[in-house]
């Protein structure tokens, strides 16, 4: 039996997308910072989807850029959900490689 467990935290992406009222970028980034400070090492922090489909994710590029500025050199794995080519290109432009 395995002696350790690997997980990917998806709370910032999965949790935020269901909130009706817009959550400001500062609050999203603060939660991501807190999760990383608590020891999370792999995180799906946002999604690059149409703002018409999920308005809460309209600031995905800014969330990614700010998070990478702060945590890009810490050895953490940061991801975003990308449902199509447009989303993949936007995620790559924001600095994500996975």
Protein backbone atom coordinates (compact mmCIF):
# COMPACT_ATOMS: atom_id res chain seq x y z
CA UNK A 1 0.00 0.00 0.00
CA UNK A 2 1.23 3.50 -0.85
CA UNK A 3 2.88 5.44 1.96
CA UNK A 4 1.83 8.86 0.70
CA UNK A 5 -1.02 10.58 -1.13
CA UNK A 6 -0.72 13.12 -3.94
CA UNK A 7 -3.58 15.48 -4.58
CA UNK A 8 -4.39 18.53 -6.67
CA UNK A 9 -6.30 21.26 -4.87
CA UNK A 10 -9.14 22.53 -7.10
CA UNK A 11 -10.98 24.71 -4.59
CA UNK A 12 -10.09 28.06 -6.13
CA UNK A 13 -11.36 26.99 -9.54
CA UNK A 14 -14.19 24.68 -8.60
CA UNK A 15 -15.39 26.71 -5.65
CA UNK A 16 -15.20 30.18 -7.19
CA UNK A 17 -17.01 29.22 -10.38
CA UNK A 18 -20.22 28.50 -8.48
CA UNK A 19 -20.39 31.85 -6.64
CA UNK A 20 -22.91 34.22 -8.21
CA UNK A 21 -21.47 37.51 -6.93
CA UNK A 22 -18.12 38.45 -8.42
CA UNK A 23 -15.13 37.68 -6.18
CA UNK A 24 -12.40 40.32 -6.61
CA UNK A 25 -8.97 39.20 -7.80
CA UNK A 26 -7.35 40.25 -4.51
CA UNK A 27 -9.57 37.82 -2.58
CA UNK A 28 -8.95 34.98 -5.06
CA UNK A 29 -5.18 35.50 -4.93
CA UNK A 30 -5.23 35.73 -1.11
CA UNK A 31 -6.97 32.35 -0.86
CA UNK A 32 -4.47 30.81 -3.28
CA UNK A 33 -1.60 32.33 -1.26
CA UNK A 34 -3.07 30.91 1.95
CA UNK A 35 -3.49 27.42 0.47
CA UNK A 36 0.11 27.42 -0.74
CA UNK A 37 1.29 28.68 2.66
CA UNK A 38 -0.61 25.77 4.25
CA UNK A 39 1.43 23.30 2.22
CA UNK A 40 -0.54 22.71 -0.98
CA UNK A 41 1.95 21.91 -3.73
CA UNK A 42 -0.36 21.25 -6.71
CA UNK A 43 -3.31 23.49 -7.50
CA UNK A 44 -5.82 24.12 -10.25
CA UNK A 45 -6.39 27.80 -9.51
CA UNK A 46 -8.72 28.98 -12.27
CA UNK A 47 -10.16 28.14 -15.66
CA UNK A 48 -9.84 29.82 -19.02
CA UNK A 49 -13.44 29.60 -20.17
CA UNK A 50 -15.77 32.04 -21.86
CA UNK A 51 -16.89 34.76 -19.42
CA UNK A 52 -20.35 34.28 -20.92
CA UNK A 53 -20.36 30.71 -19.65
CA UNK A 54 -18.73 31.34 -16.25
CA UNK A 55 -18.48 35.08 -15.46
CA UNK A 56 -16.51 34.42 -12.26
CA UNK A 57 -13.51 33.28 -14.33
CA UNK A 58 -13.27 36.46 -16.44
CA UNK A 59 -10.09 37.44 -14.56
CA UNK A 60 -8.24 34.13 -15.01
CA UNK A 61 -5.21 35.70 -16.68
CA UNK A 62 -4.74 38.22 -13.87
CA UNK A 63 -5.12 35.56 -11.17
CA UNK A 64 -2.50 33.42 -12.92
CA UNK A 65 -0.06 36.28 -13.51
CA UNK A 66 -0.24 37.50 -9.92
CA UNK A 67 0.11 34.00 -8.50
CA UNK A 68 3.07 33.17 -10.72
CA UNK A 69 4.77 36.44 -9.75
CA UNK A 70 4.59 35.44 -6.10
CA UNK A 71 4.94 31.65 -6.23
CA UNK A 72 6.44 30.82 -9.62
CA UNK A 73 9.85 29.93 -8.17
CA UNK A 74 8.65 27.90 -5.18
CA UNK A 75 8.50 24.50 -6.84
CA UNK A 76 4.72 24.32 -6.74
CA UNK A 77 2.67 23.02 -9.65
CA UNK A 78 0.01 25.48 -10.76
CA UNK A 79 -2.66 24.59 -13.30
CA UNK A 80 -5.79 25.93 -14.94
CA UNK A 81 -8.70 24.15 -16.55
CA UNK A 82 -8.69 24.73 -20.31
CA UNK A 83 -11.67 23.28 -22.19
CA UNK A 84 -10.55 24.23 -25.70
CA UNK A 85 -7.75 25.61 -27.87
CA UNK A 86 -8.71 29.22 -27.10
CA UNK A 87 -8.41 28.51 -23.36
CA UNK A 88 -5.08 26.72 -23.83
CA UNK A 89 -3.64 29.67 -25.76
CA UNK A 90 -4.88 32.13 -23.12
CA UNK A 91 -3.41 30.03 -20.31
CA UNK A 92 -0.05 29.81 -22.08
CA UNK A 93 -0.08 33.57 -22.70
CA UNK A 94 -0.67 34.10 -18.97
CA UNK A 95 2.42 32.01 -18.18
CA UNK A 96 1.14 28.49 -17.54
CA UNK A 97 2.80 25.49 -19.13
CA UNK A 98 0.43 22.79 -17.86
